[in-house]
Amino acid sequence: MARILSEMDIGILKMVAPECEGYLCSGSGVNYRSILPPLANHYSKDADDFLRRIKLLSICELKYLVRLIFSGEESLGCVPFEYITLFVENVSERLGEDIAAKVKKSYEDSECPA
């Protein structure tokens, strides 16, 4: 389910990717509709950098992202497997194994649009 980024979404994106100056995906030519795919695919240098950026999120911000994942509003389909694995591990450490398992299942159920 695509969404228009809210002020909170933009604030989170700017915090984890301060170099972000616009919200247009260079690959698809459409505006960002999620936070994690552009963070993984456009701003993070590698998986370790992605994890470093994810660790900047407060518990409230991480819970917010997880709620969006569960509602289907935050896309995971285009996030590389290695990155999602680190994200899920971080969710497990900070929010618990049950929530992390549900995030992992959401990723497994998603697919990147063609």
PDB file of N, CA and C in Angstrom:
ATOM      1  N   MET A   1       0.855  -1.170   0.000  1.00  0.00           N
ATOM      2  CA  MET A   1       0.000   0.000   0.000  1.00  0.00           C
ATOM      3  C   MET A   1       0.906   1.241   0.000  1.00  0.00           C
ATOM      4  N   ALA A   2       0.924   1.959  -1.096  1.00  0.00           N
ATOM      5  CA  ALA A   2       1.763   3.154  -1.218  1.00  0.00           C
ATOM      6  C   ALA A   2       1.176   4.293  -0.399  1.00  0.00           C
ATOM      7  N   ARG A   3       2.064   5.135   0.091  1.00  0.00           N
ATOM      8  CA  ARG A   3       1.603   6.285   0.871  1.00  0.00           C
ATOM      9  C   ARG A   3       2.403   7.512   0.477  1.00  0.00           C
ATOM     10  N   ILE A   4       1.883   8.649   0.852  1.00  0.00           N
ATOM     11  CA  ILE A   4       2.628   9.894   0.733  1.00  0.00           C
ATOM     12  C   ILE A   4       3.328  10.078   2.071  1.00  0.00           C
ATOM     13  N   LEU A   5       4.620  10.383   2.032  1.00  0.00           N
ATOM     14  CA  LEU A   5       5.374  10.526   3.272  1.00  0.00           C
ATOM     15  C   LEU A   5       4.803  11.655   4.127  1.00  0.00           C
ATOM     16  N   SER A   6       4.604  11.348   5.399  1.00  0.00           N
ATOM     17  CA  SER A   6       4.111  12.341   6.358  1.00  0.00           C
ATOM     18  C   SER A   6       5.281  13.187   6.854  1.00  0.00           C
ATOM     19  N   GLU A   7       4.963  14.197   7.632  1.00  0.00           N
ATOM     20  CA  GLU A   7       6.028  15.014   8.240  1.00  0.00           C
ATOM     21  C   GLU A   7       6.916  14.148   9.133  1.00  0.00           C
ATOM     22  N   MET A   8       6.299  13.198   9.853  1.00  0.00           N
ATOM     23  CA  MET A   8       7.091  12.310  10.705  1.00  0.00           C
ATOM     24  C   MET A   8       8.013  11.437   9.853  1.00  0.00           C
ATOM     25  N   ASP A   9       7.498  10.910   8.747  1.00  0.00           N
ATOM     26  CA  ASP A   9       8.314  10.097   7.845  1.00  0.00           C
ATOM     27  C   ASP A   9       9.514  10.893   7.341  1.00  0.00           C
ATOM     28  N   ILE A  10       9.258  12.101   6.902  1.00  0.00           N
ATOM     29  CA  ILE A  10      10.319  12.962   6.375  1.00  0.00           C
ATOM     30  C   ILE A  10      11.343  13.275   7.466  1.00  0.00           C
ATOM     31  N   GLY A  11      10.870  13.529   8.678  1.00  0.00           N
ATOM     32  CA  GLY A  11      11.774  13.783   9.792  1.00  0.00           C
ATOM     33  C   GLY A  11      12.672  12.586  10.074  1.00  0.00           C
ATOM     34  N   ILE A  12      12.099  11.392  10.047  1.00  0.00           N
ATOM     35  CA  ILE A  12      12.885  10.172  10.270  1.00  0.00           C
ATOM     36  C   ILE A  12      13.890   9.995   9.138  1.00  0.00           C
ATOM     37  N   LEU A  13      13.436  10.156   7.904  1.00  0.00           N
ATOM     38  CA  LEU A  13      14.339   9.992   6.763  1.00  0.00           C
ATOM     39  C   LEU A  13      15.493  10.979   6.827  1.00  0.00           C
ATOM     40  N   LYS A  14      15.209  12.214   7.173  1.00  0.00           N
ATOM     41  CA  LYS A  14      16.266  13.225   7.267  1.00  0.00           C
ATOM     42  C   LYS A  14      17.230  12.936   8.423  1.00  0.00           C
ATOM     43  N   MET A  15      16.732  12.314   9.487  1.00  0.00           N
ATOM     44  CA  MET A  15      17.609  11.982  10.602  1.00  0.00           C
ATOM     45  C   MET A  15      18.556  10.846  10.228  1.00  0.00           C
ATOM     46  N   VAL A  16      18.033   9.808   9.592  1.00  0.00           N
ATOM     47  CA  VAL A  16      18.873   8.655   9.262  1.00  0.00           C
ATOM     48  C   VAL A  16      19.643   8.847   7.955  1.00  0.00           C
ATOM     49  N   ALA A  17      19.224   9.819   7.155  1.00  0.00           N
ATOM     50  CA  ALA A  17      19.918  10.133   5.905  1.00  0.00           C
ATOM     51  C   ALA A  17      19.962  11.652   5.736  1.00  0.00           C
ATOM     52  N   PRO A  18      20.790  12.323   6.548  1.00  0.00           N
ATOM     53  CA  PRO A  18      20.813  13.791   6.487  1.00  0.00           C
ATOM     54  C   PRO A  18      21.221  14.339   5.123  1.00  0.00           C
ATOM     55  N   GLU A  19      21.851  13.506   4.324  1.00  0.00           N
ATOM     56  CA  GLU A  19      22.234  13.940   2.988  1.00  0.00           C
ATOM     57  C   GLU A  19      21.057  13.941   2.004  1.00  0.00           C
ATOM     58  N   CYS A  20      19.918  13.422   2.431  1.00  0.00           N
ATOM     59  CA  CYS A  20      18.719  13.389   1.595  1.00  0.00           C
ATOM     60  C   CYS A  20      18.243  14.813   1.329  1.00  0.00           C
ATOM     61  N   GLU A  21      18.187  15.177   0.060  1.00  0.00           N
ATOM     62  CA  GLU A  21      17.751  16.527  -0.310  1.00  0.00           C
ATOM     63  C   GLU A  21      16.419  16.530  -1.039  1.00  0.00           C
ATOM     64  N   GLY A  22      16.024  15.395  -1.542  1.00  0.00           N
ATOM     65  CA  GLY A  22      14.756  15.293  -2.257  1.00  0.00           C
ATOM     66  C   GLY A  22      14.136  13.945  -1.970  1.00  0.00           C
ATOM     67  N   TYR A  23      12.968  13.752  -2.455  1.00  0.00           N
ATOM     68  CA  TYR A  23      12.242  12.525  -2.139  1.00  0.00           C
ATOM     69  C   TYR A  23      11.842  11.780  -3.403  1.00  0.00           C
ATOM     70  N   LEU A  24      12.699  11.855  -4.427  1.00  0.00           N
ATOM     71  CA  LEU A  24      12.430  11.215  -5.707  1.00  0.00           C
ATOM     72  C   LEU A  24      13.397  10.064  -5.900  1.00  0.00           C
ATOM     73  N   CYS A  25      12.876   8.871  -6.133  1.00  0.00           N
ATOM     74  CA  CYS A  25      13.699   7.689  -6.367  1.00  0.00           C
ATOM     75  C   CYS A  25      14.351   7.799  -7.739  1.00  0.00           C
ATOM     76  N   SER A  26      15.672   7.752  -7.757  1.00  0.00           N
ATOM     77  CA  SER A  26      16.386   7.881  -9.029  1.00  0.00           C
ATOM     78  C   SER A  26      16.144   6.679  -9.936  1.00  0.00           C
ATOM     79  N   GLY A  27      15.843   5.516  -9.352  1.00  0.00           N
ATOM     80  CA  GLY A  27      15.610   4.321 -10.152  1.00  0.00           C
ATOM     81  C   GLY A  27      14.254   4.305 -10.822  1.00  0.00           C
ATOM     82  N   SER A  28      13.205   4.662 -10.089  1.00  0.00           N
ATOM     83  CA  SER A  28      11.843   4.575 -10.628  1.00  0.00           C
ATOM     84  C   SER A  28      11.305   5.914 -11.112  1.00  0.00           C
ATOM     85  N   GLY A  29      11.895   7.009 -10.621  1.00  0.00           N
ATOM     86  CA  GLY A  29      11.423   8.328 -11.003  1.00  0.00           C
ATOM     87  C   GLY A  29      10.160   8.772 -10.283  1.00  0.00           C
ATOM     88  N   VAL A  30       9.754   8.046  -9.240  1.00  0.00           N
ATOM     89  CA  VAL A  30       8.575   8.432  -8.468  1.00  0.00           C
ATOM     90  C   VAL A  30       9.001   8.845  -7.058  1.00  0.00           C
ATOM     91  N   ASN A  31       8.139   9.574  -6.392  1.00  0.00           N
ATOM     92  CA  ASN A  31       8.432  10.005  -5.031  1.00  0.00           C
ATOM     93  C   ASN A  31       8.544   8.806  -4.102  1.00  0.00           C
ATOM     94  N   TYR A  32       9.411   8.932  -3.099  1.00  0.00           N
ATOM     95  CA  TYR A  32       9.527   7.891  -2.076  1.00  0.00           C
ATOM     96  C   TYR A  32       8.167   7.670  -1.448  1.00  0.00           C
ATOM     97  N   ARG A  33       7.858   6.408  -1.182  1.00  0.00           N
ATOM     98  CA  ARG A  33       6.604   6.025  -0.536  1.00  0.00           C
ATOM     99  C   ARG A  33       6.870   5.297   0.785  1.00  0.00           C
ATOM    100  N   SER A  34       8.142   5.121   1.113  1.00  0.00           N
ATOM    101  CA  SER A  34       8.559   4.441   2.333  1.00  0.00           C
ATOM    102  C   SER A  34       9.894   5.018   2.776  1.00  0.00           C
ATOM    103  N   ILE A  35      10.351   4.587   3.937  1.00  0.00           N
ATOM    104  CA  ILE A  35      11.605   5.075   4.499  1.00  0.00           C
ATOM    105  C   ILE A  35      12.742   4.080   4.286  1.00  0.00           C
ATOM    106  N   LEU A  36      12.499   2.806   4.572  1.00  0.00           N
ATOM    107  CA  LEU A  36      13.573   1.817   4.550  1.00  0.00           C
ATOM    108  C   LEU A  36      14.157   1.541   3.165  1.00  0.00           C
ATOM    109  N   PRO A  37      13.348   1.429   2.101  1.00  0.00           N
ATOM    110  CA  PRO A  37      13.961   1.173   0.799  1.00  0.00           C
ATOM    111  C   PRO A  37      14.937   2.270   0.335  1.00  0.00           C
ATOM    112  N   PRO A  38      14.571   3.558   0.407  1.00  0.00           N
ATOM    113  CA  PRO A  38      15.563   4.549  -0.008  1.00  0.00           C
ATOM    114  C   PRO A  38      16.776   4.587   0.915  1.00  0.00           C
ATOM    115  N   LEU A  39      16.546   4.352   2.210  1.00  0.00           N
ATOM    116  CA  LEU A  39      17.673   4.328   3.134  1.00  0.00           C
ATOM    117  C   LEU A  39      18.648   3.224   2.735  1.00  0.00           C
ATOM    118  N   ALA A  40      18.121   2.059   2.438  1.00  0.00           N
ATOM    119  CA  ALA A  40      18.968   0.919   2.069  1.00  0.00           C
ATOM    120  C   ALA A  40      19.593   1.092   0.685  1.00  0.00           C
ATOM    121  N   ASN A  41      18.814   1.531  -0.269  1.00  0.00           N
ATOM    122  CA  ASN A  41      19.247   1.499  -1.665  1.00  0.00           C
ATOM    123  C   ASN A  41      19.892   2.775  -2.183  1.00  0.00           C
ATOM    124  N   HIS A  42      19.680   3.897  -1.510  1.00  0.00           N
ATOM    125  CA  HIS A  42      20.211   5.165  -2.019  1.00  0.00           C
ATOM    126  C   HIS A  42      21.191   5.860  -1.083  1.00  0.00           C
ATOM    127  N   TYR A  43      21.062   5.647   0.217  1.00  0.00           N
ATOM    128  CA  TYR A  43      21.870   6.424   1.157  1.00  0.00           C
ATOM    129  C   TYR A  43      22.898   5.607   1.937  1.00  0.00           C
ATOM    130  N   SER A  44      22.595   4.381   2.256  1.00  0.00           N
ATOM    131  CA  SER A  44      23.541   3.556   3.013  1.00  0.00           C
ATOM    132  C   SER A  44      24.639   3.043   2.086  1.00  0.00           C
ATOM    133  N   LYS A  45      25.875   3.158   2.544  1.00  0.00           N
ATOM    134  CA  LYS A  45      27.014   2.689   1.741  1.00  0.00           C
ATOM    135  C   LYS A  45      27.055   1.166   1.673  1.00  0.00           C
ATOM    136  N   ASP A  46      26.631   0.532   2.757  1.00  0.00           N
ATOM    137  CA  ASP A  46      26.629  -0.924   2.850  1.00  0.00           C
ATOM    138  C   ASP A  46      25.720  -1.318   4.010  1.00  0.00           C
ATOM    139  N   ALA A  47      25.655  -2.612   4.294  1.00  0.00           N
ATOM    140  CA  ALA A  47      24.761  -3.097   5.347  1.00  0.00           C
ATOM    141  C   ALA A  47      25.151  -2.549   6.720  1.00  0.00           C
ATOM    142  N   ASP A  48      26.446  -2.442   6.988  1.00  0.00           N
ATOM    143  CA  ASP A  48      26.877  -1.907   8.284  1.00  0.00           C
ATOM    144  C   ASP A  48      26.460  -0.449   8.445  1.00  0.00           C
ATOM    145  N   ASP A  49      26.552   0.313   7.368  1.00  0.00           N
ATOM    146  CA  ASP A  49      26.121   1.714   7.411  1.00  0.00           C
ATOM    147  C   ASP A  49      24.608   1.797   7.620  1.00  0.00           C
ATOM    148  N   PHE A  50      23.867   0.904   6.963  1.00  0.00           N
ATOM    149  CA  PHE A  50      22.419   0.844   7.147  1.00  0.00           C
ATOM    150  C   PHE A  50      22.090   0.598   8.622  1.00  0.00           C
ATOM    151  N   LEU A  51      22.760  -0.376   9.235  1.00  0.00           N
ATOM    152  CA  LEU A  51      22.510  -0.682  10.642  1.00  0.00           C
ATOM    153  C   LEU A  51      22.876   0.499  11.535  1.00  0.00           C
ATOM    154  N   ARG A  52      23.981   1.143  11.255  1.00  0.00           N
ATOM    155  CA  ARG A  52      24.380   2.319  12.044  1.00  0.00           C
ATOM    156  C   ARG A  52      23.277   3.370  12.003  1.00  0.00           C
ATOM    157  N   ARG A  53      22.713   3.573  10.829  1.00  0.00           N
ATOM    158  CA  ARG A  53      21.653   4.574  10.666  1.00  0.00           C
ATOM    159  C   ARG A  53      20.368   4.140  11.386  1.00  0.00           C
ATOM    160  N   ILE A  54      20.024   2.861  11.307  1.00  0.00           N
ATOM    161  CA  ILE A  54      18.827   2.339  11.987  1.00  0.00           C
ATOM    162  C   ILE A  54      18.959   2.507  13.496  1.00  0.00           C
ATOM    163  N   LYS A  55      20.161   2.342  14.008  1.00  0.00           N
ATOM    164  CA  LYS A  55      20.384   2.476  15.450  1.00  0.00           C
ATOM    165  C   LYS A  55      20.196   3.911  15.934  1.00  0.00           C
ATOM    166  N   LEU A  56      20.122   4.882  15.014  1.00  0.00           N
ATOM    167  CA  LEU A  56      19.849   6.263  15.388  1.00  0.00           C
ATOM    168  C   LEU A  56      18.389   6.475  15.798  1.00  0.00           C
ATOM    169  N   LEU A  57      17.520   5.559  15.378  1.00  0.00           N
ATOM    170  CA  LEU A  57      16.094   5.683  15.674  1.00  0.00           C
ATOM    171  C   LEU A  57      15.830   5.510  17.161  1.00  0.00           C
ATOM    172  N   SER A  58      14.977   6.350  17.695  1.00  0.00           N
ATOM    173  CA  SER A  58      14.516   6.156  19.072  1.00  0.00           C
ATOM    174  C   SER A  58      13.589   4.946  19.095  1.00  0.00           C
ATOM    175  N   ILE A  59      13.295   4.463  20.273  1.00  0.00           N
ATOM    176  CA  ILE A  59      12.337   3.357  20.408  1.00  0.00           C
ATOM    177  C   ILE A  59      10.994   3.755  19.803  1.00  0.00           C
ATOM    178  N   CYS A  60      10.551   4.973  20.049  1.00  0.00           N
ATOM    179  CA  CYS A  60       9.267   5.444  19.500  1.00  0.00           C
ATOM    180  C   CYS A  60       9.287   5.451  17.976  1.00  0.00           C
ATOM    181  N   GLU A  61      10.378   5.909  17.394  1.00  0.00           N
ATOM    182  CA  GLU A  61      10.490   5.944  15.927  1.00  0.00           C
ATOM    183  C   GLU A  61      10.544   4.536  15.347  1.00  0.00           C
ATOM    184  N   LEU A  62      11.255   3.636  16.031  1.00  0.00           N
ATOM    185  CA  LEU A  62      11.320   2.249  15.578  1.00  0.00           C
ATOM    186  C   LEU A  62       9.940   1.602  15.668  1.00  0.00           C
ATOM    187  N   LYS A  63       9.221   1.836  16.758  1.00  0.00           N
ATOM    188  CA  LYS A  63       7.858   1.308  16.891  1.00  0.00           C
ATOM    189  C   LYS A  63       6.953   1.856  15.793  1.00  0.00           C
ATOM    190  N   TYR A  64       7.116   3.123  15.475  1.00  0.00           N
ATOM    191  CA  TYR A  64       6.335   3.753  14.404  1.00  0.00           C
ATOM    192  C   TYR A  64       6.583   3.026  13.078  1.00  0.00           C
ATOM    193  N   LEU A  65       7.860   2.792  12.752  1.00  0.00           N
ATOM    194  CA  LEU A  65       8.185   2.088  11.504  1.00  0.00           C
ATOM    195  C   LEU A  65       7.602   0.680  11.498  1.00  0.00           C
ATOM    196  N   VAL A  66       7.707   0.000  12.615  1.00  0.00           N
ATOM    197  CA  VAL A  66       7.167  -1.354  12.715  1.00  0.00           C
ATOM    198  C   VAL A  66       5.650  -1.347  12.524  1.00  0.00           C
ATOM    199  N   ARG A  67       4.970  -0.374  13.109  1.00  0.00           N
ATOM    200  CA  ARG A  67       3.505  -0.262  12.900  1.00  0.00           C
ATOM    201  C   ARG A  67       3.192  -0.071  11.416  1.00  0.00           C
ATOM    202  N   LEU A  68       3.990   0.756  10.744  1.00  0.00           N
ATOM    203  CA  LEU A  68       3.780   0.963   9.306  1.00  0.00           C
ATOM    204  C   LEU A  68       4.043  -0.319   8.513  1.00  0.00           C
ATOM    205  N   ILE A  69       5.042  -1.085   8.932  1.00  0.00           N
ATOM    206  CA  ILE A  69       5.321  -2.368   8.276  1.00  0.00           C
ATOM    207  C   ILE A  69       4.117  -3.294   8.443  1.00  0.00           C
ATOM    208  N   PHE A  70       3.604  -3.393   9.653  1.00  0.00           N
ATOM    209  CA  PHE A  70       2.475  -4.289   9.914  1.00  0.00           C
ATOM    210  C   PHE A  70       1.215  -3.869   9.180  1.00  0.00           C
ATOM    211  N   SER A  71       1.025  -2.573   8.993  1.00  0.00           N
ATOM    212  CA  SER A  71      -0.173  -2.101   8.284  1.00  0.00           C
ATOM    213  C   SER A  71       0.000  -2.201   6.767  1.00  0.00           C
ATOM    214  N   GLY A  72       1.223  -2.481   6.317  1.00  0.00           N
ATOM    215  CA  GLY A  72       1.489  -2.575   4.888  1.00  0.00           C
ATOM    216  C   GLY A  72       1.854  -1.250   4.248  1.00  0.00           C
ATOM    217  N   GLU A  73       1.962  -0.201   5.062  1.00  0.00           N
ATOM    218  CA  GLU A  73       2.275   1.120   4.520  1.00  0.00           C
ATOM    219  C   GLU A  73       3.775   1.327   4.291  1.00  0.00           C
ATOM    220  N   GLU A  74       4.615   0.599   5.022  1.00  0.00           N
ATOM    221  CA  GLU A  74       6.063   0.686   4.850  1.00  0.00           C
ATOM    222  C   GLU A  74       6.512  -0.521   4.037  1.00  0.00           C
ATOM    223  N   SER A  75       7.051  -0.264   2.860  1.00  0.00           N
ATOM    224  CA  SER A  75       7.471  -1.321   1.959  1.00  0.00           C
ATOM    225  C   SER A  75       8.797  -1.922   2.401  1.00  0.00           C
ATOM    226  N   LEU A  76       8.888  -3.244   2.315  1.00  0.00           N
ATOM    227  CA  LEU A  76      10.137  -3.944   2.588  1.00  0.00           C
ATOM    228  C   LEU A  76      10.644  -4.695   1.364  1.00  0.00           C
ATOM    229  N   GLY A  77       9.814  -4.799   0.350  1.00  0.00           N
ATOM    230  CA  GLY A  77      10.107  -5.648  -0.795  1.00  0.00           C
ATOM    231  C   GLY A  77      11.398  -5.349  -1.530  1.00  0.00           C
ATOM    232  N   CYS A  78      11.817  -4.107  -1.573  1.00  0.00           N
ATOM    233  CA  CYS A  78      13.023  -3.732  -2.308  1.00  0.00           C
ATOM    234  C   CYS A  78      14.247  -3.580  -1.413  1.00  0.00           C
ATOM    235  N   VAL A  79      14.101  -3.901  -0.149  1.00  0.00           N
ATOM    236  CA  VAL A  79      15.231  -3.813   0.773  1.00  0.00           C
ATOM    237  C   VAL A  79      16.028  -5.117   0.660  1.00  0.00           C
ATOM    238  N   PRO A  80      17.341  -5.040   0.421  1.00  0.00           N
ATOM    239  CA  PRO A  80      18.144  -6.257   0.301  1.00  0.00           C
ATOM    240  C   PRO A  80      18.050  -7.140   1.546  1.00  0.00           C
ATOM    241  N   PHE A  81      18.104  -8.446   1.330  1.00  0.00           N
ATOM    242  CA  PHE A  81      17.961  -9.424   2.408  1.00  0.00           C
ATOM    243  C   PHE A  81      18.936  -9.166   3.554  1.00  0.00           C
ATOM    244  N   GLU A  82      20.195  -8.898   3.244  1.00  0.00           N
ATOM    245  CA  GLU A  82      21.204  -8.657   4.285  1.00  0.00           C
ATOM    246  C   GLU A  82      20.821  -7.479   5.175  1.00  0.00           C
ATOM    247  N   TYR A  83      20.247  -6.442   4.567  1.00  0.00           N
ATOM    248  CA  TYR A  83      19.845  -5.260   5.315  1.00  0.00           C
ATOM    249  C   TYR A  83      18.655  -5.566   6.224  1.00  0.00           C
ATOM    250  N   ILE A  84      17.687  -6.306   5.680  1.00  0.00           N
ATOM    251  CA  ILE A  84      16.509  -6.663   6.472  1.00  0.00           C
ATOM    252  C   ILE A  84      16.908  -7.552   7.635  1.00  0.00           C
ATOM    253  N   THR A  85      17.847  -8.445   7.411  1.00  0.00           N
ATOM    254  CA  THR A  85      18.322  -9.306   8.489  1.00  0.00           C
ATOM    255  C   THR A  85      18.851  -8.475   9.649  1.00  0.00           C
ATOM    256  N   LEU A  86      19.633  -7.445   9.338  1.00  0.00           N
ATOM    257  CA  LEU A  86      20.159  -6.561  10.381  1.00  0.00           C
ATOM    258  C   LEU A  86      19.045  -5.754  11.036  1.00  0.00           C
ATOM    259  N   PHE A  87      18.082  -5.307  10.237  1.00  0.00           N
ATOM    260  CA  PHE A  87      16.943  -4.564  10.779  1.00  0.00           C
ATOM    261  C   PHE A  87      16.164  -5.445  11.756  1.00  0.00           C
ATOM    262  N   VAL A  88      15.890  -6.681  11.354  1.00  0.00           N
ATOM    263  CA  VAL A  88      15.138  -7.611  12.198  1.00  0.00           C
ATOM    264  C   VAL A  88      15.902  -7.892  13.489  1.00  0.00           C
ATOM    265  N   GLU A  89      17.210  -8.070  13.401  1.00  0.00           N
ATOM    266  CA  GLU A  89      18.019  -8.290  14.607  1.00  0.00           C
ATOM    267  C   GLU A  89      17.926  -7.089  15.545  1.00  0.00           C
ATOM    268  N   ASN A  90      17.949  -5.883  14.975  1.00  0.00           N
ATOM    269  CA  ASN A  90      17.835  -4.677  15.790  1.00  0.00           C
ATOM    270  C   ASN A  90      16.459  -4.587  16.442  1.00  0.00           C
ATOM    271  N   VAL A  91      15.422  -4.919  15.691  1.00  0.00           N
ATOM    272  CA  VAL A  91      14.063  -4.936  16.245  1.00  0.00           C
ATOM    273  C   VAL A  91      13.986  -5.960  17.375  1.00  0.00           C
ATOM    274  N   SER A  92      14.585  -7.125  17.184  1.00  0.00           N
ATOM    275  CA  SER A  92      14.581  -8.156  18.216  1.00  0.00           C
ATOM    276  C   SER A  92      15.242  -7.663  19.498  1.00  0.00           C
ATOM    277  N   GLU A  93      16.382  -7.018  19.361  1.00  0.00           N
ATOM    278  CA  GLU A  93      17.116  -6.504  20.518  1.00  0.00           C
ATOM    279  C   GLU A  93      16.332  -5.414  21.254  1.00  0.00           C
ATOM    280  N   ARG A  94      15.652  -4.563  20.494  1.00  0.00           N
ATOM    281  CA  ARG A  94      15.035  -3.383  21.088  1.00  0.00           C
ATOM    282  C   ARG A  94      13.547  -3.538  21.389  1.00  0.00           C
ATOM    283  N   LEU A  95      12.853  -4.362  20.603  1.00  0.00           N
ATOM    284  CA  LEU A  95      11.399  -4.480  20.774  1.00  0.00           C
ATOM    285  C   LEU A  95      10.935  -5.901  21.085  1.00  0.00           C
ATOM    286  N   GLY A  96      11.831  -6.860  20.976  1.00  0.00           N
ATOM    287  CA  GLY A  96      11.489  -8.237  21.317  1.00  0.00           C
ATOM    288  C   GLY A  96      11.437  -9.167  20.123  1.00  0.00           C
ATOM    289  N   GLU A  97      11.630 -10.445  20.437  1.00  0.00           N
ATOM    290  CA  GLU A  97      11.687 -11.478  19.396  1.00  0.00           C
ATOM    291  C   GLU A  97      10.359 -11.672  18.670  1.00  0.00           C
ATOM    292  N   ASP A  98       9.242 -11.557  19.381  1.00  0.00           N
ATOM    293  CA  ASP A  98       7.936 -11.765  18.745  1.00  0.00           C
ATOM    294  C   ASP A  98       7.685 -10.720  17.664  1.00  0.00           C
ATOM    295  N   ILE A  99       7.973  -9.476  17.978  1.00  0.00           N
ATOM    296  CA  ILE A  99       7.783  -8.405  16.997  1.00  0.00           C
ATOM    297  C   ILE A  99       8.740  -8.596  15.825  1.00  0.00           C
ATOM    298  N   ALA A 100       9.987  -8.964  16.124  1.00  0.00           N
ATOM    299  CA  ALA A 100      10.979  -9.186  15.066  1.00  0.00           C
ATOM    300  C   ALA A 100      10.532 -10.313  14.133  1.00  0.00           C
ATOM    301  N   ALA A 101       9.973 -11.368  14.686  1.00  0.00           N
ATOM    302  CA  ALA A 101       9.498 -12.487  13.860  1.00  0.00           C
ATOM    303  C   ALA A 101       8.384 -12.037  12.920  1.00  0.00           C
ATOM    304  N   LYS A 102       7.526 -11.156  13.403  1.00  0.00           N
ATOM    305  CA  LYS A 102       6.441 -10.631  12.561  1.00  0.00           C
ATOM    306  C   LYS A 102       6.990  -9.722  11.463  1.00  0.00           C
ATOM    307  N   VAL A 103       8.019  -8.939  11.777  1.00  0.00           N
ATOM    308  CA  VAL A 103       8.656  -8.099  10.758  1.00  0.00           C
ATOM    309  C   VAL A 103       9.280  -8.992   9.687  1.00  0.00           C
ATOM    310  N   LYS A 104       9.972 -10.041  10.117  1.00  0.00           N
ATOM    311  CA  LYS A 104      10.595 -10.975   9.171  1.00  0.00           C
ATOM    312  C   LYS A 104       9.535 -11.609   8.268  1.00  0.00           C
ATOM    313  N   LYS A 105       8.416 -11.996   8.857  1.00  0.00           N
ATOM    314  CA  LYS A 105       7.317 -12.588   8.068  1.00  0.00           C
ATOM    315  C   LYS A 105       6.772 -11.571   7.067  1.00  0.00           C
ATOM    316  N   SER A 106       6.654 -10.317   7.478  1.00  0.00           N
ATOM    317  CA  SER A 106       6.191  -9.270   6.555  1.00  0.00           C
ATOM    318  C   SER A 106       7.140  -9.149   5.372  1.00  0.00           C
ATOM    319  N   TYR A 107       8.439  -9.230   5.647  1.00  0.00           N
ATOM    320  CA  TYR A 107       9.428  -9.160   4.566  1.00  0.00           C
ATOM    321  C   TYR A 107       9.278 -10.350   3.637  1.00  0.00           C
ATOM    322  N   GLU A 108       9.143 -11.528   4.200  1.00  0.00           N
ATOM    323  CA  GLU A 108       9.002 -12.742   3.380  1.00  0.00           C
ATOM    324  C   GLU A 108       7.752 -12.693   2.518  1.00  0.00           C
ATOM    325  N   ASP A 109       6.710 -12.046   3.005  1.00  0.00           N
ATOM    326  CA  ASP A 109       5.457 -11.944   2.267  1.00  0.00           C
ATOM    327  C   ASP A 109       5.440 -10.831   1.227  1.00  0.00           C
ATOM    328  N   SER A 110       6.441  -9.956   1.266  1.00  0.00           N
ATOM    329  CA  SER A 110       6.466  -8.809   0.350  1.00  0.00           C
ATOM    330  C   SER A 110       7.272  -9.136  -0.893  1.00  0.00           C
ATOM    331  N   GLU A 111       7.050  -8.371  -1.912  1.00  0.00           N
ATOM    332  CA  GLU A 111       7.896  -8.481  -3.092  1.00  0.00           C
ATOM    333  C   GLU A 111       8.049  -7.129  -3.742  1.00  0.00           C
ATOM    334  N   CYS A 112       9.192  -6.941  -4.369  1.00  0.00           N
ATOM    335  CA  CYS A 112       9.513  -5.664  -5.006  1.00  0.00           C
ATOM    336  C   CYS A 112       8.694  -5.505  -6.279  1.00  0.00           C
ATOM    337  N   PRO A 113       8.037  -4.354  -6.457  1.00  0.00           N
ATOM    338  CA  PRO A 113       7.261  -4.146  -7.676  1.00  0.00           C
ATOM    339  C   PRO A 113       8.168  -4.110  -8.902  1.00  0.00           C
ATOM    340  N   ALA A 114       7.662  -4.621  -9.977  1.00  0.00           N
ATOM    341  CA  ALA A 114       8.444  -4.671 -11.227  1.00  0.00           C
ATOM    342  C   ALA A 114       8.539  -3.322 -11.878  1.00  0.00           C
TER     343      ALA A 114
END
